Amino acid sequence: IMYHDAVSHWRWRRRHRETSTAAPP
């Protein structure tokens, strides 16, 4: 369960990433 939930979270995060900025912080 933990493995599958973690993978689901990683996939969700990959699809909902923040956009890049011109200069890195």
PDB file of all heavy atoms in Angstrom:
ATOM      1  N   ILE A   1       0.843  -1.202   0.000  1.00  0.00           N
ATOM      2  CA  ILE A   1       0.000   0.000   0.000  1.00  0.00           C
ATOM      3  C   ILE A   1       0.880   1.254   0.000  1.00  0.00           C
ATOM      4  O   ILE A   1       0.651   2.182  -0.779  1.00  0.00           O
ATOM      5  CB  ILE A   1      -0.950   0.027   1.219  1.00  0.00           C
ATOM      6  CG1 ILE A   1      -2.010  -1.066   1.110  1.00  0.00           C
ATOM      7  CG2 ILE A   1      -1.618   1.396   1.356  1.00  0.00           C
ATOM      8  CD1 ILE A   1      -2.829  -1.244   2.375  1.00  0.00           C
ATOM      9  N   MET A   2       1.887   1.268   0.878  1.00  0.00           N
ATOM     10  CA  MET A   2       2.762   2.445   0.947  1.00  0.00           C
ATOM     11  C   MET A   2       3.487   2.673  -0.373  1.00  0.00           C
ATOM     12  O   MET A   2       3.583   3.809  -0.847  1.00  0.00           O
ATOM     13  CB  MET A   2       3.760   2.320   2.098  1.00  0.00           C
ATOM     14  CG  MET A   2       3.128   2.480   3.456  1.00  0.00           C
ATOM     15  SD  MET A   2       4.281   2.707   4.811  1.00  0.00           S
ATOM     16  CE  MET A   2       5.303   1.275   4.693  1.00  0.00           C
ATOM     17  N   TYR A   3       4.005   1.601  -0.958  1.00  0.00           N
ATOM     18  CA  TYR A   3       4.706   1.745  -2.235  1.00  0.00           C
ATOM     19  C   TYR A   3       3.767   2.308  -3.306  1.00  0.00           C
ATOM     20  O   TYR A   3       4.100   3.276  -3.986  1.00  0.00           O
ATOM     21  CB  TYR A   3       5.289   0.404  -2.690  1.00  0.00           C
ATOM     22  CG  TYR A   3       5.724   0.426  -4.127  1.00  0.00           C
ATOM     23  CD1 TYR A   3       6.858   1.136  -4.511  1.00  0.00           C
ATOM     24  CD2 TYR A   3       4.985  -0.204  -5.107  1.00  0.00           C
ATOM     25  CE1 TYR A   3       7.248   1.192  -5.836  1.00  0.00           C
ATOM     26  CE2 TYR A   3       5.360  -0.143  -6.429  1.00  0.00           C
ATOM     27  CZ  TYR A   3       6.496   0.556  -6.797  1.00  0.00           C
ATOM     28  OH  TYR A   3       6.863   0.617  -8.100  1.00  0.00           O
ATOM     29  N   HIS A   4       2.585   1.719  -3.435  1.00  0.00           N
ATOM     30  CA  HIS A   4       1.649   2.171  -4.469  1.00  0.00           C
ATOM     31  C   HIS A   4       1.171   3.602  -4.218  1.00  0.00           C
ATOM     32  O   HIS A   4       1.056   4.394  -5.162  1.00  0.00           O
ATOM     33  CB  HIS A   4       0.470   1.209  -4.588  1.00  0.00           C
ATOM     34  CG  HIS A   4       0.849  -0.102  -5.193  1.00  0.00           C
ATOM     35  ND1 HIS A   4       1.205  -0.249  -6.505  1.00  0.00           N
ATOM     36  CD2 HIS A   4       0.956  -1.332  -4.649  1.00  0.00           C
ATOM     37  CE1 HIS A   4       1.505  -1.509  -6.758  1.00  0.00           C
ATOM     38  NE2 HIS A   4       1.367  -2.191  -5.646  1.00  0.00           N
ATOM     39  N   ASP A   5       0.917   3.953  -2.960  1.00  0.00           N
ATOM     40  CA  ASP A   5       0.498   5.324  -2.653  1.00  0.00           C
ATOM     41  C   ASP A   5       1.621   6.316  -2.938  1.00  0.00           C
ATOM     42  O   ASP A   5       1.376   7.419  -3.433  1.00  0.00           O
ATOM     43  CB  ASP A   5       0.050   5.447  -1.195  1.00  0.00           C
ATOM     44  CG  ASP A   5      -1.319   4.827  -0.951  1.00  0.00           C
ATOM     45  OD1 ASP A   5      -1.969   4.374  -1.917  1.00  0.00           O
ATOM     46  OD2 ASP A   5      -1.737   4.779   0.234  1.00  0.00           O
ATOM     47  N   ALA A   6       2.861   5.936  -2.630  1.00  0.00           N
ATOM     48  CA  ALA A   6       3.994   6.821  -2.892  1.00  0.00           C
ATOM     49  C   ALA A   6       4.171   7.030  -4.393  1.00  0.00           C
ATOM     50  O   ALA A   6       4.390   8.152  -4.853  1.00  0.00           O
ATOM     51  CB  ALA A   6       5.273   6.255  -2.276  1.00  0.00           C
ATOM     52  N   VAL A   7       4.060   5.964  -5.168  1.00  0.00           N
ATOM     53  CA  VAL A   7       4.175   6.091  -6.620  1.00  0.00           C
ATOM     54  C   VAL A   7       3.056   6.970  -7.166  1.00  0.00           C
ATOM     55  O   VAL A   7       3.291   7.824  -8.022  1.00  0.00           O
ATOM     56  CB  VAL A   7       4.192   4.700  -7.299  1.00  0.00           C
ATOM     57  CG1 VAL A   7       4.028   4.819  -8.806  1.00  0.00           C
ATOM     58  CG2 VAL A   7       5.484   3.971  -6.965  1.00  0.00           C
ATOM     59  N   SER A   8       1.847   6.790  -6.672  1.00  0.00           N
ATOM     60  CA  SER A   8       0.732   7.628  -7.109  1.00  0.00           C
ATOM     61  C   SER A   8       1.010   9.097  -6.808  1.00  0.00           C
ATOM     62  O   SER A   8       0.745   9.976  -7.636  1.00  0.00           O
ATOM     63  CB  SER A   8      -0.569   7.205  -6.421  1.00  0.00           C
ATOM     64  OG  SER A   8      -0.945   5.925  -6.837  1.00  0.00           O
ATOM     65  N   HIS A   9       1.563   9.358  -5.650  1.00  0.00           N
ATOM     66  CA  HIS A   9       1.895  10.737  -5.277  1.00  0.00           C
ATOM     67  C   HIS A   9       2.975  11.298  -6.199  1.00  0.00           C
ATOM     68  O   HIS A   9       2.890  12.445  -6.634  1.00  0.00           O
ATOM     69  CB  HIS A   9       2.343  10.812  -3.817  1.00  0.00           C
ATOM     70  CG  HIS A   9       2.755  12.182  -3.404  1.00  0.00           C
ATOM     71  ND1 HIS A   9       1.843  13.191  -3.197  1.00  0.00           N
ATOM     72  CD2 HIS A   9       3.978  12.725  -3.180  1.00  0.00           C
ATOM     73  CE1 HIS A   9       2.488  14.295  -2.863  1.00  0.00           C
ATOM     74  NE2 HIS A   9       3.777  14.037  -2.849  1.00  0.00           N
ATOM     75  N   TRP A  10       4.013  10.497  -6.484  1.00  0.00           N
ATOM     76  CA  TRP A  10       5.074  10.964  -7.382  1.00  0.00           C
ATOM     77  C   TRP A  10       4.515  11.285  -8.765  1.00  0.00           C
ATOM     78  O   TRP A  10       4.878  12.284  -9.376  1.00  0.00           O
ATOM     79  CB  TRP A  10       6.178   9.920  -7.524  1.00  0.00           C
ATOM     80  CG  TRP A  10       6.945   9.654  -6.275  1.00  0.00           C
ATOM     81  CD1 TRP A  10       7.254  10.543  -5.280  1.00  0.00           C
ATOM     82  CD2 TRP A  10       7.507   8.405  -5.869  1.00  0.00           C
ATOM     83  NE1 TRP A  10       7.962   9.918  -4.287  1.00  0.00           N
ATOM     84  CE2 TRP A  10       8.135   8.605  -4.629  1.00  0.00           C
ATOM     85  CE3 TRP A  10       7.535   7.142  -6.440  1.00  0.00           C
ATOM     86  CZ2 TRP A  10       8.784   7.598  -3.953  1.00  0.00           C
ATOM     87  CZ3 TRP A  10       8.190   6.135  -5.759  1.00  0.00           C
ATOM     88  CH2 TRP A  10       8.801   6.364  -4.536  1.00  0.00           C
ATOM     89  N   ARG A  11       3.628  10.425  -9.256  1.00  0.00           N
ATOM     90  CA  ARG A  11       3.035  10.664 -10.573  1.00  0.00           C
ATOM     91  C   ARG A  11       2.187  11.924 -10.557  1.00  0.00           C
ATOM     92  O   ARG A  11       2.216  12.719 -11.497  1.00  0.00           O
ATOM     93  CB  ARG A  11       2.193   9.468 -10.996  1.00  0.00           C
ATOM     94  CG  ARG A  11       3.034   8.285 -11.387  1.00  0.00           C
ATOM     95  CD  ARG A  11       2.170   7.117 -11.781  1.00  0.00           C
ATOM     96  NE  ARG A  11       3.014   5.984 -12.138  1.00  0.00           N
ATOM     97  CZ  ARG A  11       2.655   4.729 -12.026  1.00  0.00           C
ATOM     98  NH1 ARG A  11       1.445   4.426 -11.580  1.00  0.00           N
ATOM     99  NH2 ARG A  11       3.480   3.765 -12.380  1.00  0.00           N
ATOM    100  N   TRP A  12       1.413  12.114  -9.505  1.00  0.00           N
ATOM    101  CA  TRP A  12       0.595  13.314  -9.397  1.00  0.00           C
ATOM    102  C   TRP A  12       1.484  14.555  -9.368  1.00  0.00           C
ATOM    103  O   TRP A  12       1.220  15.531 -10.053  1.00  0.00           O
ATOM    104  CB  TRP A  12      -0.271  13.256  -8.138  1.00  0.00           C
ATOM    105  CG  TRP A  12      -1.151  14.463  -8.000  1.00  0.00           C
ATOM    106  CD1 TRP A  12      -2.392  14.639  -8.517  1.00  0.00           C
ATOM    107  CD2 TRP A  12      -0.835  15.674  -7.310  1.00  0.00           C
ATOM    108  NE1 TRP A  12      -2.868  15.871  -8.197  1.00  0.00           N
ATOM    109  CE2 TRP A  12      -1.930  16.542  -7.449  1.00  0.00           C
ATOM    110  CE3 TRP A  12       0.272  16.121  -6.590  1.00  0.00           C
ATOM    111  CZ2 TRP A  12      -1.947  17.815  -6.900  1.00  0.00           C
ATOM    112  CZ3 TRP A  12       0.255  17.381  -6.041  1.00  0.00           C
ATOM    113  CH2 TRP A  12      -0.855  18.216  -6.202  1.00  0.00           C
ATOM    114  N   ARG A  13       2.550  14.498  -8.556  1.00  0.00           N
ATOM    115  CA  ARG A  13       3.458  15.636  -8.442  1.00  0.00           C
ATOM    116  C   ARG A  13       4.127  15.952  -9.775  1.00  0.00           C
ATOM    117  O   ARG A  13       4.335  17.110 -10.111  1.00  0.00           O
ATOM    118  CB  ARG A  13       4.528  15.346  -7.388  1.00  0.00           C
ATOM    119  CG  ARG A  13       4.655  16.444  -6.375  1.00  0.00           C
ATOM    120  CD  ARG A  13       5.662  16.159  -5.317  1.00  0.00           C
ATOM    121  NE  ARG A  13       6.985  15.982  -5.871  1.00  0.00           N
ATOM    122  CZ  ARG A  13       7.922  15.249  -5.327  1.00  0.00           C
ATOM    123  NH1 ARG A  13       7.695  14.626  -4.213  1.00  0.00           N
ATOM    124  NH2 ARG A  13       9.099  15.137  -5.878  1.00  0.00           N
ATOM    125  N   ARG A  14       4.469  14.901 -10.522  1.00  0.00           N
ATOM    126  CA  ARG A  14       5.121  15.096 -11.814  1.00  0.00           C
ATOM    127  C   ARG A  14       4.187  15.851 -12.771  1.00  0.00           C
ATOM    128  O   ARG A  14       4.626  16.689 -13.544  1.00  0.00           O
ATOM    129  CB  ARG A  14       5.518  13.753 -12.398  1.00  0.00           C
ATOM    130  CG  ARG A  14       6.155  13.860 -13.761  1.00  0.00           C
ATOM    131  CD  ARG A  14       6.572  12.510 -14.253  1.00  0.00           C
ATOM    132  NE  ARG A  14       7.986  12.392 -13.983  1.00  0.00           N
ATOM    133  CZ  ARG A  14       8.650  11.270 -13.984  1.00  0.00           C
ATOM    134  NH1 ARG A  14       8.028  10.140 -14.220  1.00  0.00           N
ATOM    135  NH2 ARG A  14       9.934  11.243 -13.746  1.00  0.00           N
ATOM    136  N   ARG A  15       2.895  15.548 -12.713  1.00  0.00           N
ATOM    137  CA  ARG A  15       1.938  16.214 -13.591  1.00  0.00           C
ATOM    138  C   ARG A  15       1.612  17.634 -13.120  1.00  0.00           C
ATOM    139  O   ARG A  15       1.135  18.444 -13.892  1.00  0.00           O
ATOM    140  CB  ARG A  15       0.638  15.409 -13.657  1.00  0.00           C
ATOM    141  CG  ARG A  15       0.735  14.176 -14.498  1.00  0.00           C
ATOM    142  CD  ARG A  15      -0.642  13.568 -14.736  1.00  0.00           C
ATOM    143  NE  ARG A  15      -1.412  13.339 -13.535  1.00  0.00           N
ATOM    144  CZ  ARG A  15      -1.510  12.174 -12.907  1.00  0.00           C
ATOM    145  NH1 ARG A  15      -0.867  11.128 -13.366  1.00  0.00           N
ATOM    146  NH2 ARG A  15      -2.241  12.059 -11.824  1.00  0.00           N
ATOM    147  N   HIS A  16       1.808  17.931 -11.855  1.00  0.00           N
ATOM    148  CA  HIS A  16       1.410  19.217 -11.293  1.00  0.00           C
ATOM    149  C   HIS A  16       2.617  19.991 -10.767  1.00  0.00           C
ATOM    150  O   HIS A  16       2.576  20.543  -9.671  1.00  0.00           O
ATOM    151  CB  HIS A  16       0.393  19.002 -10.158  1.00  0.00           C
ATOM    152  CG  HIS A  16      -0.863  18.372 -10.632  1.00  0.00           C
ATOM    153  ND1 HIS A  16      -1.041  17.008 -10.669  1.00  0.00           N
ATOM    154  CD2 HIS A  16      -2.007  18.907 -11.119  1.00  0.00           C
ATOM    155  CE1 HIS A  16      -2.237  16.730 -11.136  1.00  0.00           C
ATOM    156  NE2 HIS A  16      -2.846  17.862 -11.416  1.00  0.00           N
ATOM    157  N   ARG A  17       3.647  20.031 -11.545  1.00  0.00           N
ATOM    158  CA  ARG A  17       4.852  20.763 -11.128  1.00  0.00           C
ATOM    159  C   ARG A  17       4.671  22.260 -11.310  1.00  0.00           C
ATOM    160  O   ARG A  17       3.893  22.714 -12.144  1.00  0.00           O
ATOM    161  CB  ARG A  17       6.054  20.312 -11.950  1.00  0.00           C
ATOM    162  CG  ARG A  17       6.502  18.953 -11.576  1.00  0.00           C
ATOM    163  CD  ARG A  17       7.827  18.671 -12.159  1.00  0.00           C
ATOM    164  NE  ARG A  17       8.234  17.356 -11.649  1.00  0.00           N
ATOM    165  CZ  ARG A  17       9.382  16.819 -11.880  1.00  0.00           C
ATOM    166  NH1 ARG A  17      10.265  17.442 -12.599  1.00  0.00           N
ATOM    167  NH2 ARG A  17       9.678  15.650 -11.388  1.00  0.00           N
ATOM    168  N   GLU A  18       5.468  22.994 -10.544  1.00  0.00           N
ATOM    169  CA  GLU A  18       5.461  24.433 -10.715  1.00  0.00           C
ATOM    170  C   GLU A  18       6.192  24.783 -12.002  1.00  0.00           C
ATOM    171  O   GLU A  18       7.038  24.031 -12.475  1.00  0.00           O
ATOM    172  CB  GLU A  18       6.165  25.097  -9.525  1.00  0.00           C
ATOM    173  CG  GLU A  18       5.434  24.896  -8.220  1.00  0.00           C
ATOM    174  CD  GLU A  18       6.144  25.555  -7.043  1.00  0.00           C
ATOM    175  OE1 GLU A  18       7.002  26.425  -7.289  1.00  0.00           O
ATOM    176  OE2 GLU A  18       5.830  25.197  -5.918  1.00  0.00           O
ATOM    177  N   THR A  19       5.888  25.947 -12.543  1.00  0.00           N
ATOM    178  CA  THR A  19       6.544  26.362 -13.775  1.00  0.00           C
ATOM    179  C   THR A  19       7.898  26.978 -13.461  1.00  0.00           C
ATOM    180  O   THR A  19       8.111  27.551 -12.389  1.00  0.00           O
ATOM    181  CB  THR A  19       5.676  27.368 -14.544  1.00  0.00           C
ATOM    182  OG1 THR A  19       5.396  28.471 -13.676  1.00  0.00           O
ATOM    183  CG2 THR A  19       4.380  26.727 -14.998  1.00  0.00           C
ATOM    184  N   SER A  20       8.796  26.879 -14.422  1.00  0.00           N
ATOM    185  CA  SER A  20      10.145  27.414 -14.250  1.00  0.00           C
ATOM    186  C   SER A  20      10.135  28.928 -14.322  1.00  0.00           C
ATOM    187  O   SER A  20       9.283  29.539 -14.973  1.00  0.00           O
ATOM    188  CB  SER A  20      11.074  26.862 -15.332  1.00  0.00           C
ATOM    189  OG  SER A  20      11.127  25.479 -15.262  1.00  0.00           O
ATOM    190  N   THR A  21      11.132  29.531 -13.688  1.00  0.00           N
ATOM    191  CA  THR A  21      11.304  30.975 -13.755  1.00  0.00           C
ATOM    192  C   THR A  21      12.524  31.273 -14.607  1.00  0.00           C
ATOM    193  O   THR A  21      13.335  30.388 -14.892  1.00  0.00           O
ATOM    194  CB  THR A  21      11.502  31.578 -12.352  1.00  0.00           C
ATOM    195  OG1 THR A  21      12.663  31.001 -11.766  1.00  0.00           O
ATOM    196  CG2 THR A  21      10.294  31.323 -11.475  1.00  0.00           C
ATOM    197  N   ALA A  22      12.681  32.519 -14.999  1.00  0.00           N
ATOM    198  CA  ALA A  22      13.811  32.898 -15.852  1.00  0.00           C
ATOM    199  C   ALA A  22      15.138  32.703 -15.127  1.00  0.00           C
ATOM    200  O   ALA A  22      16.110  32.240 -15.704  1.00  0.00           O
ATOM    201  CB  ALA A  22      13.659  34.346 -16.303  1.00  0.00           C
ATOM    202  N   ALA A  23      15.166  33.058 -13.855  1.00  0.00           N
ATOM    203  CA  ALA A  23      16.414  32.919 -13.084  1.00  0.00           C
ATOM    204  C   ALA A  23      16.154  31.990 -11.907  1.00  0.00           C
ATOM    205  O   ALA A  23      15.140  32.112 -11.224  1.00  0.00           O
ATOM    206  CB  ALA A  23      16.869  34.283 -12.578  1.00  0.00           C
ATOM    207  N   PRO A  24      17.060  31.042 -11.675  1.00  0.00           N
ATOM    208  CA  PRO A  24      16.854  30.149 -10.530  1.00  0.00           C
ATOM    209  C   PRO A  24      16.972  30.917  -9.215  1.00  0.00           C
ATOM    210  O   PRO A  24      17.690  31.913  -9.130  1.00  0.00           O
ATOM    211  CB  PRO A  24      17.972  29.122 -10.667  1.00  0.00           C
ATOM    212  CG  PRO A  24      19.008  29.778 -11.508  1.00  0.00           C
ATOM    213  CD  PRO A  24      18.297  30.752 -12.385  1.00  0.00           C
ATOM    214  N   PRO A  25      16.275  30.459  -8.187  1.00  0.00           N
ATOM    215  CA  PRO A  25      16.363  31.144  -6.891  1.00  0.00           C
ATOM    216  C   PRO A  25      17.748  30.941  -6.281  1.00  0.00           C
ATOM    217  O   PRO A  25      18.450  29.977  -6.585  1.00  0.00           O
ATOM    218  CB  PRO A  25      15.298  30.454  -6.046  1.00  0.00           C
ATOM    219  CG  PRO A  25      15.086  29.141  -6.701  1.00  0.00           C
ATOM    220  CD  PRO A  25      15.390  29.317  -8.156  1.00  0.00           C
TER     221      PRO A  25
END
